[in-house]
Amino acid sequence: MVTNGSGSSTSSQAGRDAPKVLVLGLGNLLNSDEGLGVHAVRALQADRTVAFPQVSFLDGGTLGLNLLPLVEEATALLLIDCVDAGLSPGTVIELSGDEIPRYSGVKLSQHQTTFQEVLGLAEIRAALPERLHLIGVQPDSLELGTELSPVVQDSLERVLKRVEEILRSWTKA
C-alpha cells in the first residue's frame, strides 16, 4: 500500500496509481539493521508526509519484483536501504543514477539482489525513473532482531534529514 501526503492510501495494482515521486523503504525488519529502509519510511509517513503532499511513501520491505510497476511509473525514485559498502557501521552512503548497481553482480544487502534486478528490468524496458537516488547506512548487525543497532539508530535522523533535503530539491517544496 502506498501512502501519500494527504494520509490517504492508494492501491498499487498494475502500477496505475503509482506516484510520480516515490520514496521507497527497502529491507527486512527481522534482521535488525537490514530493516533500516522500512523503519525510515515509516518515520517519514508519520512525520513528514504533510510537508510533501505530492510525494508517496512506500514500505517496500522485501517485495522485490512486485515493486517493478511502481518503479516504472515513478519519475523520481528515492530509495532508503541498508548498504554494505565495507565502511564503518553507521556511515551514511549516497548513490545516484548510474552509481546504483542494476544487477546482482554487486550485492549491497541480503535482499538487494532482487531489487537490483527490478532496477535492471526497468532500465531494459526504458522505464527507469529520470531521477534515482539511494540513501543507505552501513549496517552494524544483521542478526535476528527487530530493532536497529544503536549506531544505525543514531544515523536514522541524518537519513531522514537527507531525504527531506532531496525531496525539497525535487519538488521545490
C-alpha atoms as a PDB file:
ATOM      1  CA  MET A   1       0.000   0.000   0.000  1.00  0.00           C
ATOM      2  CA  VAL A   2       1.230   3.489  -0.857  1.00  0.00           C
ATOM      3  CA  THR A   3       0.537   6.416   1.465  1.00  0.00           C
ATOM      4  CA  ASN A   4       0.560   9.914   0.059  1.00  0.00           C
ATOM      5  CA  GLY A   5       0.944  13.177   1.939  1.00  0.00           C
ATOM      6  CA  SER A   6      -2.796  13.623   2.412  1.00  0.00           C
ATOM      7  CA  GLY A   7      -2.788  10.478   4.557  1.00  0.00           C
ATOM      8  CA  SER A   8      -4.904   8.526   2.115  1.00  0.00           C
ATOM      9  CA  SER A   9      -3.822   5.216   0.691  1.00  0.00           C
ATOM     10  CA  THR A  10      -3.824   4.113  -2.901  1.00  0.00           C
ATOM     11  CA  SER A  11      -3.654   0.630  -4.326  1.00  0.00           C
ATOM     12  CA  SER A  12      -0.660  -0.138  -6.485  1.00  0.00           C
ATOM     13  CA  GLN A  13      -2.457  -2.566  -8.779  1.00  0.00           C
ATOM     14  CA  ALA A  14      -0.550  -2.793 -12.038  1.00  0.00           C
ATOM     15  CA  GLY A  15       1.212   0.456 -11.144  1.00  0.00           C
ATOM     16  CA  ARG A  16      -1.741   2.544 -12.392  1.00  0.00           C
ATOM     17  CA  ASP A  17      -1.929   4.547  -9.189  1.00  0.00           C
ATOM     18  CA  ALA A  18       1.816   4.824  -8.741  1.00  0.00           C
ATOM     19  CA  PRO A  19       3.063   8.239  -7.692  1.00  0.00           C
ATOM     20  CA  LYS A  20       5.371  10.376  -9.759  1.00  0.00           C
ATOM     21  CA  VAL A  21       7.715  10.922  -6.776  1.00  0.00           C
ATOM     22  CA  LEU A  22       8.178   7.802  -4.696  1.00  0.00           C
ATOM     23  CA  VAL A  23      10.195   7.243  -1.528  1.00  0.00           C
ATOM     24  CA  LEU A  24      10.743   3.518  -1.175  1.00  0.00           C
ATOM     25  CA  GLY A  25      11.998   1.946   2.065  1.00  0.00           C
ATOM     26  CA  LEU A  26      13.591  -1.449   1.499  1.00  0.00           C
ATOM     27  CA  GLY A  27      14.691  -4.122   3.929  1.00  0.00           C
ATOM     28  CA  ASN A  28      13.834  -6.982   6.205  1.00  0.00           C
ATOM     29  CA  LEU A  29      12.591  -5.944   9.644  1.00  0.00           C
ATOM     30  CA  LEU A  30      13.584  -9.320  11.085  1.00  0.00           C
ATOM     31  CA  ASN A  31      17.332  -8.794  10.570  1.00  0.00           C
ATOM     32  CA  SER A  32      17.978  -5.722  12.733  1.00  0.00           C
ATOM     33  CA  ASP A  33      19.867  -3.125  10.614  1.00  0.00           C
ATOM     34  CA  GLU A  34      18.587  -4.719   7.397  1.00  0.00           C
ATOM     35  CA  GLY A  35      15.235  -3.114   8.290  1.00  0.00           C
ATOM     36  CA  LEU A  36      16.609   0.448   8.096  1.00  0.00           C
ATOM     37  CA  GLY A  37      14.664   1.400   4.973  1.00  0.00           C
ATOM     38  CA  VAL A  38      11.363   0.217   6.421  1.00  0.00           C
ATOM     39  CA  HIS A  39      11.977   1.991   9.739  1.00  0.00           C
ATOM     40  CA  ALA A  40      12.882   5.172   7.840  1.00  0.00           C
ATOM     41  CA  VAL A  41       9.854   5.193   5.548  1.00  0.00           C
ATOM     42  CA  ARG A  42       7.540   4.539   8.498  1.00  0.00           C
ATOM     43  CA  ALA A  43       9.019   7.545  10.304  1.00  0.00           C
ATOM     44  CA  LEU A  44       8.582   9.615   7.147  1.00  0.00           C
ATOM     45  CA  GLN A  45       4.960   8.514   6.814  1.00  0.00           C
ATOM     46  CA  ALA A  46       4.298   9.523  10.413  1.00  0.00           C
ATOM     47  CA  ASP A  47       6.165  12.830  10.488  1.00  0.00           C
ATOM     48  CA  ARG A  48       6.837  14.275   7.064  1.00  0.00           C
ATOM     49  CA  THR A  49       4.045  13.397   4.651  1.00  0.00           C
ATOM     50  CA  VAL A  50       2.259  16.681   5.389  1.00  0.00           C
ATOM     51  CA  ALA A  51       5.298  18.620   4.160  1.00  0.00           C
ATOM     52  CA  PHE A  52       5.305  16.667   0.890  1.00  0.00           C
ATOM     53  CA  PRO A  53       1.701  16.006  -0.170  1.00  0.00           C
ATOM     54  CA  GLN A  54       2.790  15.279  -3.754  1.00  0.00           C
ATOM     55  CA  VAL A  55       5.185  12.519  -2.639  1.00  0.00           C
ATOM     56  CA  SER A  56       4.205   8.927  -1.866  1.00  0.00           C
ATOM     57  CA  PHE A  57       5.998   6.848   0.739  1.00  0.00           C
ATOM     58  CA  LEU A  58       6.047   3.059   0.480  1.00  0.00           C
ATOM     59  CA  ASP A  59       7.248   0.313   2.786  1.00  0.00           C
ATOM     60  CA  GLY A  60       8.701  -1.919   0.068  1.00  0.00           C
ATOM     61  CA  GLY A  61      10.111  -4.381   2.585  1.00  0.00           C
ATOM     62  CA  THR A  62      11.342  -7.364   0.601  1.00  0.00           C
ATOM     63  CA  LEU A  63       8.683  -7.214  -2.135  1.00  0.00           C
ATOM     64  CA  GLY A  64      11.330  -7.445  -4.851  1.00  0.00           C
ATOM     65  CA  LEU A  65       9.952  -7.845  -8.369  1.00  0.00           C
ATOM     66  CA  ASN A  66       6.464  -6.885  -7.177  1.00  0.00           C
ATOM     67  CA  LEU A  67       7.796  -3.322  -6.993  1.00  0.00           C
ATOM     68  CA  LEU A  68       8.547  -3.157 -10.741  1.00  0.00           C
ATOM     69  CA  PRO A  69       5.262  -1.430 -11.739  1.00  0.00           C
ATOM     70  CA  LEU A  70       5.743   1.270  -9.100  1.00  0.00           C
ATOM     71  CA  VAL A  71       9.358   1.843 -10.100  1.00  0.00           C
ATOM     72  CA  GLU A  72       8.393   2.133 -13.770  1.00  0.00           C
ATOM     73  CA  GLU A  73       5.594   4.636 -13.079  1.00  0.00           C
ATOM     74  CA  ALA A  74       7.724   6.923 -10.923  1.00  0.00           C
ATOM     75  CA  THR A  75       9.567   9.842 -12.477  1.00  0.00           C
ATOM     76  CA  ALA A  76      11.673  10.258  -9.329  1.00  0.00           C
ATOM     77  CA  LEU A  77      12.607   7.388  -7.010  1.00  0.00           C
ATOM     78  CA  LEU A  78      14.352   7.793  -3.676  1.00  0.00           C
ATOM     79  CA  LEU A  79      15.480   4.501  -2.133  1.00  0.00           C
ATOM     80  CA  ILE A  80      16.337   4.013   1.539  1.00  0.00           C
ATOM     81  CA  ASP A  81      18.170   0.828   2.437  1.00  0.00           C
ATOM     82  CA  CYS A  82      20.875  -0.847   4.474  1.00  0.00           C
ATOM     83  CA  VAL A  83      24.023  -0.787   2.306  1.00  0.00           C
ATOM     84  CA  ASP A  84      27.101  -2.895   2.943  1.00  0.00           C
ATOM     85  CA  ALA A  85      29.910  -0.846   1.443  1.00  0.00           C
ATOM     86  CA  GLY A  86      32.593  -2.099   3.821  1.00  0.00           C
ATOM     87  CA  LEU A  87      32.659   1.189   5.766  1.00  0.00           C
ATOM     88  CA  SER A  88      32.330   1.897   9.475  1.00  0.00           C
ATOM     89  CA  PRO A  89      28.927   0.936  10.888  1.00  0.00           C
ATOM     90  CA  GLY A  90      26.502   3.849  10.857  1.00  0.00           C
ATOM     91  CA  THR A  91      28.148   5.572   7.878  1.00  0.00           C
ATOM     92  CA  VAL A  92      25.537   7.206   5.647  1.00  0.00           C
ATOM     93  CA  ILE A  93      26.064   6.315   1.986  1.00  0.00           C
ATOM     94  CA  GLU A  94      24.520   8.022  -1.040  1.00  0.00           C
ATOM     95  CA  LEU A  95      24.472   6.881  -4.631  1.00  0.00           C
ATOM     96  CA  SER A  96      22.733   8.473  -7.612  1.00  0.00           C
ATOM     97  CA  GLY A  97      21.721   7.369 -11.071  1.00  0.00           C
ATOM     98  CA  ASP A  98      24.238   5.011 -12.660  1.00  0.00           C
ATOM     99  CA  GLU A  99      26.166   4.654  -9.394  1.00  0.00           C
ATOM    100  CA  ILE A 100      23.380   2.364  -8.163  1.00  0.00           C
ATOM    101  CA  PRO A 101      24.050  -1.222  -9.306  1.00  0.00           C
ATOM    102  CA  ARG A 102      21.379  -2.673 -11.591  1.00  0.00           C
ATOM    103  CA  TYR A 103      22.237  -6.353 -11.353  1.00  0.00           C
ATOM    104  CA  SER A 104      23.204  -8.828  -8.670  1.00  0.00           C
ATOM    105  CA  GLY A 105      26.893  -8.783  -9.559  1.00  0.00           C
ATOM    106  CA  VAL A 106      27.360  -6.283  -6.713  1.00  0.00           C
ATOM    107  CA  LYS A 107      25.479  -7.371  -3.614  1.00  0.00           C
ATOM    108  CA  LEU A 108      24.659  -4.490  -1.268  1.00  0.00           C
ATOM    109  CA  SER A 109      22.376  -6.343   1.150  1.00  0.00           C
ATOM    110  CA  GLN A 110      20.629  -9.659   1.700  1.00  0.00           C
ATOM    111  CA  HIS A 111      17.569  -8.765  -0.384  1.00  0.00           C
ATOM    112  CA  GLN A 112      19.237  -6.310  -2.745  1.00  0.00           C
ATOM    113  CA  THR A 113      19.819  -8.883  -5.470  1.00  0.00           C
ATOM    114  CA  THR A 114      16.114  -8.949  -6.274  1.00  0.00           C
ATOM    115  CA  PHE A 115      15.701  -5.177  -6.110  1.00  0.00           C
ATOM    116  CA  GLN A 116      18.770  -4.686  -8.268  1.00  0.00           C
ATOM    117  CA  GLU A 117      17.011  -6.872 -10.796  1.00  0.00           C
ATOM    118  CA  VAL A 118      13.973  -4.591 -10.555  1.00  0.00           C
ATOM    119  CA  LEU A 119      16.150  -1.626 -11.483  1.00  0.00           C
ATOM    120  CA  GLY A 120      17.814  -3.626 -14.258  1.00  0.00           C
ATOM    121  CA  LEU A 121      14.486  -4.682 -15.712  1.00  0.00           C
ATOM    122  CA  ALA A 122      13.138  -1.137 -15.568  1.00  0.00           C
ATOM    123  CA  GLU A 123      16.265   0.038 -17.385  1.00  0.00           C
ATOM    124  CA  ILE A 124      15.980  -2.666 -20.072  1.00  0.00           C
ATOM    125  CA  ARG A 125      12.326  -1.681 -20.556  1.00  0.00           C
ATOM    126  CA  ALA A 126      13.340   2.003 -20.861  1.00  0.00           C
ATOM    127  CA  ALA A 127      11.211   2.795 -17.809  1.00  0.00           C
ATOM    128  CA  LEU A 128      13.800   3.678 -15.171  1.00  0.00           C
ATOM    129  CA  PRO A 129      12.826   6.865 -13.301  1.00  0.00           C
ATOM    130  CA  GLU A 130      14.504  10.059 -14.528  1.00  0.00           C
ATOM    131  CA  ARG A 131      15.728  10.754 -11.002  1.00  0.00           C
ATOM    132  CA  LEU A 132      17.135   7.872  -8.985  1.00  0.00           C
ATOM    133  CA  HIS A 133      18.848   8.259  -5.617  1.00  0.00           C
ATOM    134  CA  LEU A 134      19.791   5.838  -2.835  1.00  0.00           C
ATOM    135  CA  ILE A 135      20.430   6.748   0.777  1.00  0.00           C
ATOM    136  CA  GLY A 136      21.795   3.908   2.849  1.00  0.00           C
ATOM    137  CA  VAL A 137      23.580   3.204   6.084  1.00  0.00           C
ATOM    138  CA  GLN A 138      26.388   0.742   6.674  1.00  0.00           C
ATOM    139  CA  PRO A 139      24.960  -1.927   8.993  1.00  0.00           C
ATOM    140  CA  ASP A 140      26.450  -2.955  12.304  1.00  0.00           C
ATOM    141  CA  SER A 141      24.297  -6.049  12.797  1.00  0.00           C
ATOM    142  CA  LEU A 142      22.273  -8.279  10.503  1.00  0.00           C
ATOM    143  CA  GLU A 143      21.466 -10.681  13.334  1.00  0.00           C
ATOM    144  CA  LEU A 144      17.923 -11.786  14.006  1.00  0.00           C
ATOM    145  CA  GLY A 145      16.120  -8.923  15.721  1.00  0.00           C
ATOM    146  CA  THR A 146      13.537  -6.249  15.026  1.00  0.00           C
ATOM    147  CA  GLU A 147      15.398  -3.230  16.401  1.00  0.00           C
ATOM    148  CA  LEU A 148      18.144  -1.220  14.718  1.00  0.00           C
ATOM    149  CA  SER A 149      21.564  -1.392  16.350  1.00  0.00           C
ATOM    150  CA  PRO A 150      22.401   1.730  18.399  1.00  0.00           C
ATOM    151  CA  VAL A 151      24.913   3.052  15.837  1.00  0.00           C
ATOM    152  CA  VAL A 152      22.461   2.672  12.935  1.00  0.00           C
ATOM    153  CA  GLN A 153      19.616   4.109  15.033  1.00  0.00           C
ATOM    154  CA  ASP A 154      21.841   7.152  15.635  1.00  0.00           C
ATOM    155  CA  SER A 155      22.204   7.550  11.841  1.00  0.00           C
ATOM    156  CA  LEU A 156      18.470   7.385  11.160  1.00  0.00           C
ATOM    157  CA  GLU A 157      17.781  11.079  11.808  1.00  0.00           C
ATOM    158  CA  ARG A 158      20.579  12.061   9.381  1.00  0.00           C
ATOM    159  CA  VAL A 159      18.966   9.813   6.769  1.00  0.00           C
ATOM    160  CA  LEU A 160      15.558  11.413   7.341  1.00  0.00           C
ATOM    161  CA  LYS A 161      17.023  14.910   7.034  1.00  0.00           C
ATOM    162  CA  ARG A 162      18.768  13.969   3.770  1.00  0.00           C
ATOM    163  CA  VAL A 163      15.505  12.555   2.418  1.00  0.00           C
ATOM    164  CA  GLU A 164      13.825  15.850   3.253  1.00  0.00           C
ATOM    165  CA  GLU A 165      16.565  17.874   1.527  1.00  0.00           C
ATOM    166  CA  ILE A 166      16.359  15.758  -1.611  1.00  0.00           C
ATOM    167  CA  LEU A 167      12.565  15.901  -1.713  1.00  0.00           C
ATOM    168  CA  ARG A 168      12.676  19.688  -1.331  1.00  0.00           C
ATOM    169  CA  SER A 169      15.021  19.915  -4.324  1.00  0.00           C
ATOM    170  CA  TRP A 170      12.881  17.516  -6.372  1.00  0.00           C
ATOM    171  CA  THR A 171       9.539  19.111  -5.521  1.00  0.00           C
ATOM    172  CA  LYS A 172      10.590  22.690  -4.809  1.00  0.00           C
ATOM    173  CA  ALA A 173       8.606  22.427  -1.561  1.00  0.00           C
END
